[in-house]
Amino acid sequence: METSTGFELRAMLVQELATARAECDAADGTNRSLAVHRARRALKRARSLFRVMKAAAGHTHRPWLRPVKEAFKLLSVARDADAMLTTAERLLRRSTGASAEVLAPTVAALADRARRTHAAELPIERIAELLQAAEADAATMPADFDAQALIAEELASAYKRGRTAFRAIETEADPDAWHAWRKAVKHRLHLTQLGTPAAKPHDVVADLDALAELLGECNDLANLAEVVQRDPALTGDGKTARRVLAVFAKRQRRLRQRARALGEALFRQRPRHFAHGLAAAGDPGGPDHAAA
């Protein structure tokens, strides 16, 4: 029997889970931070795939997300420590003079914190066990369905959530609102990438990817600021902590300005117009948009 797009989606879901499990096995090696990062990215793609498939999966498979959520949570502790370190290192490379002087001790402290986190809080065996169970369940999911119709339906929903979240951050500096927008953007990106090469508008994929990166750094800076506020000794003392927080805030303002500009282009349409465009074009990427 000819493979349908539904069967292809199921195969992709199983493969993403297998990839995440393989990366967890590799996390016992020397480049643990990279392995954790790749495992989490694979799980994010798996979650997007399951959200497309859940209408066809049936009640039996609804608990499928539980082991995935638990595995993701266990990986996130180490990944958050790595992300904050990477963000601080990036800031240090861009900084000169007084800014570089106050950031250097913070970077050293974050590097030590990341090492300790990996040593104490990365239960590889438990994560692999959870992913193996999720992979076995995914392999038995129904797959004889109209995948493109479900992708378009979920993409329209993701666009609506993303636009709502974008409108919320126009008037709010709340990190949670920005994080909600980031999640919606990542989900829309994953869904857009499910299209065939001919159907995916390159500029939409590239802009969504760029926006996700900007919002990811914003999120990491927000997490960094929270850690420094909670533990000023991480930077040396309270006075230094205030100077470090000012450097974080300056970078975050720039990132948010660029993110808003991309958001205006990517979420300018009303949701119903976006959905109509999907139906008319038969294109999981959505209608063309003008770059910001």
C-alpha atoms as a PDB file:
ATOM      1  CA  MET A   1       0.000   0.000   0.000  1.00  0.00           C
ATOM      2  CA  GLU A   2       1.254   3.450  -0.865  1.00  0.00           C
ATOM      3  CA  THR A   3       2.470   5.428   2.141  1.00  0.00           C
ATOM      4  CA  SER A   4       0.100   8.254   3.021  1.00  0.00           C
ATOM      5  CA  THR A   5       1.065  11.543   4.606  1.00  0.00           C
ATOM      6  CA  GLY A   6      -0.620  10.285   7.788  1.00  0.00           C
ATOM      7  CA  PHE A   7       1.767   7.351   7.950  1.00  0.00           C
ATOM      8  CA  GLU A   8       4.653   9.685   7.193  1.00  0.00           C
ATOM      9  CA  LEU A   9       3.686  11.931  10.110  1.00  0.00           C
ATOM     10  CA  ARG A  10       3.586   8.939  12.438  1.00  0.00           C
ATOM     11  CA  ALA A  11       7.002   7.847  11.215  1.00  0.00           C
ATOM     12  CA  MET A  12       8.317  11.367  11.816  1.00  0.00           C
ATOM     13  CA  LEU A  13       6.903  11.338  15.349  1.00  0.00           C
ATOM     14  CA  VAL A  14       8.569   8.011  16.141  1.00  0.00           C
ATOM     15  CA  GLN A  15      11.831   9.265  14.637  1.00  0.00           C
ATOM     16  CA  GLU A  16      11.859  12.467  16.708  1.00  0.00           C
ATOM     17  CA  LEU A  17      11.401  10.429  19.882  1.00  0.00           C
ATOM     18  CA  ALA A  18      14.148   8.029  18.806  1.00  0.00           C
ATOM     19  CA  THR A  19      16.402  11.011  18.105  1.00  0.00           C
ATOM     20  CA  ALA A  20      15.724  12.465  21.549  1.00  0.00           C
ATOM     21  CA  ARG A  21      16.501   9.104  23.170  1.00  0.00           C
ATOM     22  CA  ALA A  22      19.725   8.747  21.174  1.00  0.00           C
ATOM     23  CA  GLU A  23      20.799  12.236  22.232  1.00  0.00           C
ATOM     24  CA  CYS A  24      20.137  11.331  25.858  1.00  0.00           C
ATOM     25  CA  ASP A  25      22.394   8.301  25.437  1.00  0.00           C
ATOM     26  CA  ALA A  26      25.025  10.645  23.997  1.00  0.00           C
ATOM     27  CA  ALA A  27      24.596  12.965  26.994  1.00  0.00           C
ATOM     28  CA  ASP A  28      26.816  10.604  28.954  1.00  0.00           C
ATOM     29  CA  GLY A  29      29.668  11.708  26.697  1.00  0.00           C
ATOM     30  CA  THR A  30      31.779  14.858  26.726  1.00  0.00           C
ATOM     31  CA  ASN A  31      29.418  17.270  24.935  1.00  0.00           C
ATOM     32  CA  ARG A  32      26.508  16.841  27.303  1.00  0.00           C
ATOM     33  CA  SER A  33      25.125  20.375  26.870  1.00  0.00           C
ATOM     34  CA  LEU A  34      24.747  19.975  23.100  1.00  0.00           C
ATOM     35  CA  ALA A  35      23.125  16.549  23.500  1.00  0.00           C
ATOM     36  CA  VAL A  36      20.558  17.929  25.971  1.00  0.00           C
ATOM     37  CA  HIS A  37      19.815  20.846  23.636  1.00  0.00           C
ATOM     38  CA  ARG A  38      19.256  18.530  20.668  1.00  0.00           C
ATOM     39  CA  ALA A  39      17.087  16.169  22.707  1.00  0.00           C
ATOM     40  CA  ARG A  40      14.824  19.018  23.801  1.00  0.00           C
ATOM     41  CA  ARG A  41      14.523  20.313  20.231  1.00  0.00           C
ATOM     42  CA  ALA A  42      13.489  16.849  19.037  1.00  0.00           C
ATOM     43  CA  LEU A  43      10.868  16.653  21.796  1.00  0.00           C
ATOM     44  CA  LYS A  44       9.474  20.056  20.842  1.00  0.00           C
ATOM     45  CA  ARG A  45       9.051  18.863  17.263  1.00  0.00           C
ATOM     46  CA  ALA A  46       7.438  15.661  18.566  1.00  0.00           C
ATOM     47  CA  ARG A  47       4.931  17.678  20.598  1.00  0.00           C
ATOM     48  CA  SER A  48       3.981  19.712  17.538  1.00  0.00           C
ATOM     49  CA  LEU A  49       3.488  16.513  15.532  1.00  0.00           C
ATOM     50  CA  PHE A  50       1.305  14.988  18.208  1.00  0.00           C
ATOM     51  CA  ARG A  51      -0.831  18.109  18.397  1.00  0.00           C
ATOM     52  CA  VAL A  52      -1.529  17.627  14.687  1.00  0.00           C
ATOM     53  CA  MET A  53      -2.283  13.939  15.129  1.00  0.00           C
ATOM     54  CA  LYS A  54      -4.246  14.024  18.396  1.00  0.00           C
ATOM     55  CA  ALA A  55      -7.653  14.342  16.671  1.00  0.00           C
ATOM     56  CA  ALA A  56      -6.961  11.086  14.829  1.00  0.00           C
ATOM     57  CA  ALA A  57      -5.083   9.365  17.671  1.00  0.00           C
ATOM     58  CA  GLY A  58      -8.184   8.579  19.724  1.00  0.00           C
ATOM     59  CA  HIS A  59      -8.727   8.448  23.459  1.00  0.00           C
ATOM     60  CA  THR A  60      -6.333   5.499  23.971  1.00  0.00           C
ATOM     61  CA  HIS A  61      -3.323   7.614  23.065  1.00  0.00           C
ATOM     62  CA  ARG A  62      -4.276  10.831  24.885  1.00  0.00           C
ATOM     63  CA  PRO A  63      -1.992  10.012  27.888  1.00  0.00           C
ATOM     64  CA  TRP A  64       0.927   9.861  25.415  1.00  0.00           C
ATOM     65  CA  LEU A  65       2.123  13.359  26.311  1.00  0.00           C
ATOM     66  CA  ARG A  66       2.652  12.529  29.986  1.00  0.00           C
ATOM     67  CA  PRO A  67       6.014  10.719  29.656  1.00  0.00           C
ATOM     68  CA  VAL A  68       7.132  13.275  27.060  1.00  0.00           C
ATOM     69  CA  LYS A  69       6.280  16.159  29.388  1.00  0.00           C
ATOM     70  CA  GLU A  70       8.103  14.480  32.265  1.00  0.00           C
ATOM     71  CA  ALA A  71      11.187  13.802  30.141  1.00  0.00           C
ATOM     72  CA  PHE A  72      11.162  17.382  28.854  1.00  0.00           C
ATOM     73  CA  LYS A  73      10.909  18.727  32.407  1.00  0.00           C
ATOM     74  CA  LEU A  74      13.831  16.591  33.561  1.00  0.00           C
ATOM     75  CA  LEU A  75      15.959  17.789  30.645  1.00  0.00           C
ATOM     76  CA  SER A  76      14.964  21.416  31.162  1.00  0.00           C
ATOM     77  CA  VAL A  77      16.817  21.872  34.448  1.00  0.00           C
ATOM     78  CA  ALA A  78      20.175  21.230  32.821  1.00  0.00           C
ATOM     79  CA  ARG A  79      19.234  23.003  29.604  1.00  0.00           C
ATOM     80  CA  ASP A  80      18.152  26.154  31.434  1.00  0.00           C
ATOM     81  CA  ALA A  81      21.511  26.306  33.194  1.00  0.00           C
ATOM     82  CA  ASP A  82      23.301  25.853  29.853  1.00  0.00           C
ATOM     83  CA  ALA A  83      21.141  28.458  28.110  1.00  0.00           C
ATOM     84  CA  MET A  84      21.774  31.070  30.771  1.00  0.00           C
ATOM     85  CA  LEU A  85      25.508  30.429  30.566  1.00  0.00           C
ATOM     86  CA  THR A  86      25.490  30.655  26.756  1.00  0.00           C
ATOM     87  CA  THR A  87      23.500  33.899  26.859  1.00  0.00           C
ATOM     88  CA  ALA A  88      25.855  35.450  29.414  1.00  0.00           C
ATOM     89  CA  GLU A  89      28.904  34.351  27.397  1.00  0.00           C
ATOM     90  CA  ARG A  90      27.396  35.897  24.258  1.00  0.00           C
ATOM     91  CA  LEU A  91      26.806  39.149  26.098  1.00  0.00           C
ATOM     92  CA  LEU A  92      30.357  39.129  27.432  1.00  0.00           C
ATOM     93  CA  ARG A  93      31.788  38.718  23.918  1.00  0.00           C
ATOM     94  CA  ARG A  94      29.771  41.735  22.766  1.00  0.00           C
ATOM     95  CA  SER A  95      30.718  43.871  25.764  1.00  0.00           C
ATOM     96  CA  THR A  96      33.668  46.163  26.376  1.00  0.00           C
ATOM     97  CA  GLY A  97      34.912  48.292  29.250  1.00  0.00           C
ATOM     98  CA  ALA A  98      32.819  48.405  32.414  1.00  0.00           C
ATOM     99  CA  SER A  99      30.133  46.058  31.070  1.00  0.00           C
ATOM    100  CA  ALA A 100      32.683  43.344  30.328  1.00  0.00           C
ATOM    101  CA  GLU A 101      34.271  43.872  33.732  1.00  0.00           C
ATOM    102  CA  VAL A 102      31.034  43.221  35.631  1.00  0.00           C
ATOM    103  CA  LEU A 103      29.943  40.318  33.405  1.00  0.00           C
ATOM    104  CA  ALA A 104      33.134  38.238  33.571  1.00  0.00           C
ATOM    105  CA  PRO A 105      32.706  37.011  37.183  1.00  0.00           C
ATOM    106  CA  THR A 106      29.026  36.252  36.501  1.00  0.00           C
ATOM    107  CA  VAL A 107      29.929  34.097  33.498  1.00  0.00           C
ATOM    108  CA  ALA A 108      32.450  32.171  35.596  1.00  0.00           C
ATOM    109  CA  ALA A 109      29.853  31.596  38.326  1.00  0.00           C
ATOM    110  CA  LEU A 110      27.244  30.459  35.783  1.00  0.00           C
ATOM    111  CA  ALA A 111      29.730  28.027  34.228  1.00  0.00           C
ATOM    112  CA  ASP A 112      30.300  26.447  37.634  1.00  0.00           C
ATOM    113  CA  ARG A 113      26.548  26.365  38.253  1.00  0.00           C
ATOM    114  CA  ALA A 114      25.933  24.590  34.912  1.00  0.00           C
ATOM    115  CA  ARG A 115      28.581  21.956  35.684  1.00  0.00           C
ATOM    116  CA  ARG A 116      27.026  21.230  39.070  1.00  0.00           C
ATOM    117  CA  THR A 117      23.533  21.066  37.592  1.00  0.00           C
ATOM    118  CA  HIS A 118      24.541  18.507  34.979  1.00  0.00           C
ATOM    119  CA  ALA A 119      26.259  16.386  37.605  1.00  0.00           C
ATOM    120  CA  ALA A 120      23.351  16.414  40.031  1.00  0.00           C
ATOM    121  CA  GLU A 121      20.145  16.836  38.044  1.00  0.00           C
ATOM    122  CA  LEU A 122      20.221  14.862  34.790  1.00  0.00           C
ATOM    123  CA  PRO A 123      18.686  11.403  35.375  1.00  0.00           C
ATOM    124  CA  ILE A 124      19.575   9.950  31.966  1.00  0.00           C
ATOM    125  CA  GLU A 125      18.226   6.451  32.650  1.00  0.00           C
ATOM    126  CA  ARG A 126      14.812   7.733  33.746  1.00  0.00           C
ATOM    127  CA  ILE A 127      14.552  10.067  30.728  1.00  0.00           C
ATOM    128  CA  ALA A 128      15.469   7.248  28.319  1.00  0.00           C
ATOM    129  CA  GLU A 129      12.862   4.999  29.952  1.00  0.00           C
ATOM    130  CA  LEU A 130      10.142   7.635  29.510  1.00  0.00           C
ATOM    131  CA  LEU A 131      11.057   8.236  25.868  1.00  0.00           C
ATOM    132  CA  GLN A 132      11.148   4.536  25.075  1.00  0.00           C
ATOM    133  CA  ALA A 133       7.586   4.187  26.411  1.00  0.00           C
ATOM    134  CA  ALA A 134       6.418   7.200  24.384  1.00  0.00           C
ATOM    135  CA  GLU A 135       8.123   5.856  21.250  1.00  0.00           C
ATOM    136  CA  ALA A 136       6.406   2.463  21.576  1.00  0.00           C
ATOM    137  CA  ASP A 137       3.013   4.146  22.018  1.00  0.00           C
ATOM    138  CA  ALA A 138       3.585   6.478  19.069  1.00  0.00           C
ATOM    139  CA  ALA A 139       4.360   3.539  16.788  1.00  0.00           C
ATOM    140  CA  THR A 140       0.849   2.136  17.368  1.00  0.00           C
ATOM    141  CA  MET A 141      -1.079   5.359  16.713  1.00  0.00           C
ATOM    142  CA  PRO A 142      -3.629   5.409  13.872  1.00  0.00           C
ATOM    143  CA  ALA A 143      -2.148   6.929  10.753  1.00  0.00           C
ATOM    144  CA  ASP A 144      -4.792   6.560   8.043  1.00  0.00           C
ATOM    145  CA  PHE A 145      -5.958  10.191   8.040  1.00  0.00           C
ATOM    146  CA  ASP A 146      -5.764  13.338   5.949  1.00  0.00           C
ATOM    147  CA  ALA A 147      -2.562  14.782   7.355  1.00  0.00           C
ATOM    148  CA  GLN A 148      -2.591  17.961   5.288  1.00  0.00           C
ATOM    149  CA  ALA A 149      -6.079  18.867   6.512  1.00  0.00           C
ATOM    150  CA  LEU A 150      -5.030  18.352  10.134  1.00  0.00           C
ATOM    151  CA  ILE A 151      -1.813  20.330   9.630  1.00  0.00           C
ATOM    152  CA  ALA A 152      -3.771  23.233   8.142  1.00  0.00           C
ATOM    153  CA  GLU A 153      -6.285  23.129  11.005  1.00  0.00           C
ATOM    154  CA  GLU A 154      -3.588  23.110  13.672  1.00  0.00           C
ATOM    155  CA  LEU A 155      -1.581  25.777  11.834  1.00  0.00           C
ATOM    156  CA  ALA A 156      -4.599  28.092  11.754  1.00  0.00           C
ATOM    157  CA  SER A 157      -5.040  27.521  15.491  1.00  0.00           C
ATOM    158  CA  ALA A 158      -1.334  28.123  16.153  1.00  0.00           C
ATOM    159  CA  TYR A 159      -1.446  31.331  14.134  1.00  0.00           C
ATOM    160  CA  LYS A 160      -4.432  32.580  16.137  1.00  0.00           C
ATOM    161  CA  ARG A 161      -2.698  31.821  19.447  1.00  0.00           C
ATOM    162  CA  GLY A 162       0.495  33.453  18.212  1.00  0.00           C
ATOM    163  CA  ARG A 163      -1.311  36.600  17.099  1.00  0.00           C
ATOM    164  CA  THR A 164      -3.154  36.842  20.427  1.00  0.00           C
ATOM    165  CA  ALA A 165       0.133  36.434  22.309  1.00  0.00           C
ATOM    166  CA  PHE A 166       1.791  39.026  20.065  1.00  0.00           C
ATOM    167  CA  ARG A 167      -0.937  41.555  20.810  1.00  0.00           C
ATOM    168  CA  ALA A 168      -0.454  40.895  24.530  1.00  0.00           C
ATOM    169  CA  ILE A 169       3.271  41.752  24.493  1.00  0.00           C
ATOM    170  CA  GLU A 170       2.628  45.100  22.785  1.00  0.00           C
ATOM    171  CA  THR A 171       1.535  46.521  26.126  1.00  0.00           C
ATOM    172  CA  GLU A 172       3.219  44.163  28.596  1.00  0.00           C
ATOM    173  CA  ALA A 173       6.796  43.622  29.700  1.00  0.00           C
ATOM    174  CA  ASP A 174       5.767  40.442  31.530  1.00  0.00           C
ATOM    175  CA  PRO A 175       8.311  37.687  30.713  1.00  0.00           C
ATOM    176  CA  ASP A 176       5.500  35.101  30.863  1.00  0.00           C
ATOM    177  CA  ALA A 177       3.658  36.899  28.035  1.00  0.00           C
ATOM    178  CA  TRP A 178       6.813  36.906  25.919  1.00  0.00           C
ATOM    179  CA  HIS A 179       7.417  33.241  26.705  1.00  0.00           C
ATOM    180  CA  ALA A 180       3.859  32.384  25.634  1.00  0.00           C
ATOM    181  CA  TRP A 181       4.473  34.143  22.333  1.00  0.00           C
ATOM    182  CA  ARG A 182       7.729  32.261  21.876  1.00  0.00           C
ATOM    183  CA  LYS A 183       5.999  28.889  22.326  1.00  0.00           C
ATOM    184  CA  ALA A 184       3.323  29.828  19.780  1.00  0.00           C
ATOM    185  CA  VAL A 185       5.988  30.960  17.301  1.00  0.00           C
ATOM    186  CA  LYS A 186       7.952  27.713  17.707  1.00  0.00           C
ATOM    187  CA  HIS A 187       4.824  25.637  17.180  1.00  0.00           C
ATOM    188  CA  ARG A 188       3.918  27.563  14.033  1.00  0.00           C
ATOM    189  CA  LEU A 189       7.499  27.116  12.768  1.00  0.00           C
ATOM    190  CA  HIS A 190       7.381  23.338  13.303  1.00  0.00           C
ATOM    191  CA  LEU A 191       4.031  23.088  11.515  1.00  0.00           C
ATOM    192  CA  THR A 192       5.226  25.203   8.598  1.00  0.00           C
ATOM    193  CA  GLN A 193       8.267  22.945   8.218  1.00  0.00           C
ATOM    194  CA  LEU A 194       5.953  19.956   7.740  1.00  0.00           C
ATOM    195  CA  GLY A 195       5.064  21.175   4.249  1.00  0.00           C
ATOM    196  CA  THR A 196       6.739  19.851   1.143  1.00  0.00           C
ATOM    197  CA  PRO A 197       9.834  21.763  -0.039  1.00  0.00           C
ATOM    198  CA  ALA A 198       7.808  23.275  -2.878  1.00  0.00           C
ATOM    199  CA  ALA A 199       5.051  24.400  -0.517  1.00  0.00           C
ATOM    200  CA  LYS A 200       7.146  26.001   2.221  1.00  0.00           C
ATOM    201  CA  PRO A 201       7.715  29.737   1.625  1.00  0.00           C
ATOM    202  CA  HIS A 202      11.395  30.170   2.428  1.00  0.00           C
ATOM    203  CA  ASP A 203      10.959  33.676   3.808  1.00  0.00           C
ATOM    204  CA  VAL A 204       8.239  32.548   6.250  1.00  0.00           C
ATOM    205  CA  VAL A 205      10.365  29.682   7.577  1.00  0.00           C
ATOM    206  CA  ALA A 206      13.460  31.873   7.844  1.00  0.00           C
ATOM    207  CA  ASP A 207      11.603  34.709   9.572  1.00  0.00           C
ATOM    208  CA  LEU A 208       9.852  32.381  12.026  1.00  0.00           C
ATOM    209  CA  ASP A 209      13.188  30.763  12.824  1.00  0.00           C
ATOM    210  CA  ALA A 210      14.824  34.171  13.336  1.00  0.00           C
ATOM    211  CA  LEU A 211      11.945  35.305  15.540  1.00  0.00           C
ATOM    212  CA  ALA A 212      12.139  32.126  17.634  1.00  0.00           C
ATOM    213  CA  GLU A 213      15.863  32.734  18.178  1.00  0.00           C
ATOM    214  CA  LEU A 214      15.261  36.330  19.281  1.00  0.00           C
ATOM    215  CA  LEU A 215      12.519  35.264  21.672  1.00  0.00           C
ATOM    216  CA  GLY A 216      14.662  32.405  22.967  1.00  0.00           C
ATOM    217  CA  GLU A 217      17.430  34.817  23.927  1.00  0.00           C
ATOM    218  CA  CYS A 218      14.848  37.126  25.522  1.00  0.00           C
ATOM    219  CA  ASN A 219      13.585  34.213  27.595  1.00  0.00           C
ATOM    220  CA  ASP A 220      17.102  33.242  28.640  1.00  0.00           C
ATOM    221  CA  LEU A 221      17.832  36.834  29.690  1.00  0.00           C
ATOM    222  CA  ALA A 222      14.626  36.897  31.747  1.00  0.00           C
ATOM    223  CA  ASN A 223      15.690  33.664  33.463  1.00  0.00           C
ATOM    224  CA  LEU A 224      19.147  35.104  34.065  1.00  0.00           C
ATOM    225  CA  ALA A 225      17.718  38.254  35.607  1.00  0.00           C
ATOM    226  CA  GLU A 226      15.515  36.171  37.901  1.00  0.00           C
ATOM    227  CA  VAL A 227      18.503  34.108  39.061  1.00  0.00           C
ATOM    228  CA  VAL A 228      20.614  37.213  39.743  1.00  0.00           C
ATOM    229  CA  GLN A 229      17.768  38.920  41.599  1.00  0.00           C
ATOM    230  CA  ARG A 230      17.306  35.826  43.747  1.00  0.00           C
ATOM    231  CA  ASP A 231      21.043  35.368  44.336  1.00  0.00           C
ATOM    232  CA  PRO A 232      22.986  38.658  43.943  1.00  0.00           C
ATOM    233  CA  ALA A 233      26.106  36.920  45.284  1.00  0.00           C
ATOM    234  CA  LEU A 234      26.320  35.158  41.924  1.00  0.00           C
ATOM    235  CA  THR A 235      27.696  38.421  40.499  1.00  0.00           C
ATOM    236  CA  GLY A 236      29.844  39.281  43.499  1.00  0.00           C
ATOM    237  CA  ASP A 237      27.671  41.709  45.480  1.00  0.00           C
ATOM    238  CA  GLY A 238      24.429  43.705  45.337  1.00  0.00           C
ATOM    239  CA  LYS A 239      25.934  46.733  43.592  1.00  0.00           C
ATOM    240  CA  THR A 240      27.461  44.574  40.863  1.00  0.00           C
ATOM    241  CA  ALA A 241      24.191  42.684  40.527  1.00  0.00           C
ATOM    242  CA  ARG A 242      22.370  45.929  39.702  1.00  0.00           C
ATOM    243  CA  ARG A 243      24.956  46.746  37.031  1.00  0.00           C
ATOM    244  CA  VAL A 244      24.671  43.246  35.554  1.00  0.00           C
ATOM    245  CA  LEU A 245      20.871  43.495  35.500  1.00  0.00           C
ATOM    246  CA  ALA A 246      21.164  46.817  33.641  1.00  0.00           C
ATOM    247  CA  VAL A 247      23.284  45.103  30.950  1.00  0.00           C
ATOM    248  CA  PHE A 248      20.680  42.340  30.656  1.00  0.00           C
ATOM    249  CA  ALA A 249      17.831  44.857  30.392  1.00  0.00           C
ATOM    250  CA  LYS A 250      19.579  46.865  27.664  1.00  0.00           C
ATOM    251  CA  ARG A 251      20.150  43.767  25.533  1.00  0.00           C
ATOM    252  CA  GLN A 252      16.595  42.578  26.111  1.00  0.00           C
ATOM    253  CA  ARG A 253      15.132  45.908  24.944  1.00  0.00           C
ATOM    254  CA  ARG A 254      17.040  45.616  21.672  1.00  0.00           C
ATOM    255  CA  LEU A 255      15.961  42.027  21.131  1.00  0.00           C
ATOM    256  CA  ARG A 256      12.327  42.845  21.830  1.00  0.00           C
ATOM    257  CA  GLN A 257      12.387  45.746  19.411  1.00  0.00           C
ATOM    258  CA  ARG A 258      13.621  43.455  16.640  1.00  0.00           C
ATOM    259  CA  ALA A 259      11.116  40.752  17.625  1.00  0.00           C
ATOM    260  CA  ARG A 260       8.208  43.199  17.451  1.00  0.00           C
ATOM    261  CA  ALA A 261       9.244  44.252  13.941  1.00  0.00           C
ATOM    262  CA  LEU A 262       9.265  40.629  12.753  1.00  0.00           C
ATOM    263  CA  GLY A 263       6.021  39.975  14.581  1.00  0.00           C
ATOM    264  CA  GLU A 264       4.273  42.788  12.718  1.00  0.00           C
ATOM    265  CA  ALA A 265       5.100  41.052   9.435  1.00  0.00           C
ATOM    266  CA  LEU A 266       4.413  37.489  10.532  1.00  0.00           C
ATOM    267  CA  PHE A 267       1.163  38.151  12.409  1.00  0.00           C
ATOM    268  CA  ARG A 268      -0.330  41.092  10.537  1.00  0.00           C
ATOM    269  CA  GLN A 269      -3.317  39.169   9.124  1.00  0.00           C
ATOM    270  CA  ARG A 270      -6.542  38.523  10.975  1.00  0.00           C
ATOM    271  CA  PRO A 271      -6.769  34.814  11.894  1.00  0.00           C
ATOM    272  CA  ARG A 272      -9.750  34.151   9.624  1.00  0.00           C
ATOM    273  CA  HIS A 273      -7.906  35.687   6.667  1.00  0.00           C
ATOM    274  CA  PHE A 274      -4.869  33.544   7.441  1.00  0.00           C
ATOM    275  CA  ALA A 275      -7.064  30.417   7.574  1.00  0.00           C
ATOM    276  CA  HIS A 276      -8.774  31.355   4.309  1.00  0.00           C
ATOM    277  CA  GLY A 277      -5.356  31.842   2.739  1.00  0.00           C
ATOM    278  CA  LEU A 278      -4.326  28.351   3.837  1.00  0.00           C
ATOM    279  CA  ALA A 279      -7.438  26.844   2.295  1.00  0.00           C
ATOM    280  CA  ALA A 280      -7.036  28.792  -0.939  1.00  0.00           C
ATOM    281  CA  ALA A 281      -3.337  28.077  -1.356  1.00  0.00           C
ATOM    282  CA  GLY A 282      -3.307  24.534   0.022  1.00  0.00           C
ATOM    283  CA  ASP A 283      -0.038  25.652   1.590  1.00  0.00           C
ATOM    284  CA  PRO A 284       0.952  24.798   5.159  1.00  0.00           C
ATOM    285  CA  GLY A 285       3.277  27.789   5.256  1.00  0.00           C
ATOM    286  CA  GLY A 286       0.517  30.313   4.914  1.00  0.00           C
ATOM    287  CA  PRO A 287       0.210  33.268   2.543  1.00  0.00           C
ATOM    288  CA  ASP A 288       3.249  35.268   1.595  1.00  0.00           C
ATOM    289  CA  HIS A 289       4.123  38.205   3.819  1.00  0.00           C
ATOM    290  CA  ALA A 290       6.241  41.266   3.485  1.00  0.00           C
ATOM    291  CA  ALA A 291       9.499  41.092   5.424  1.00  0.00           C
ATOM    292  CA  ALA A 292       9.964  43.650   8.155  1.00  0.00           C
END
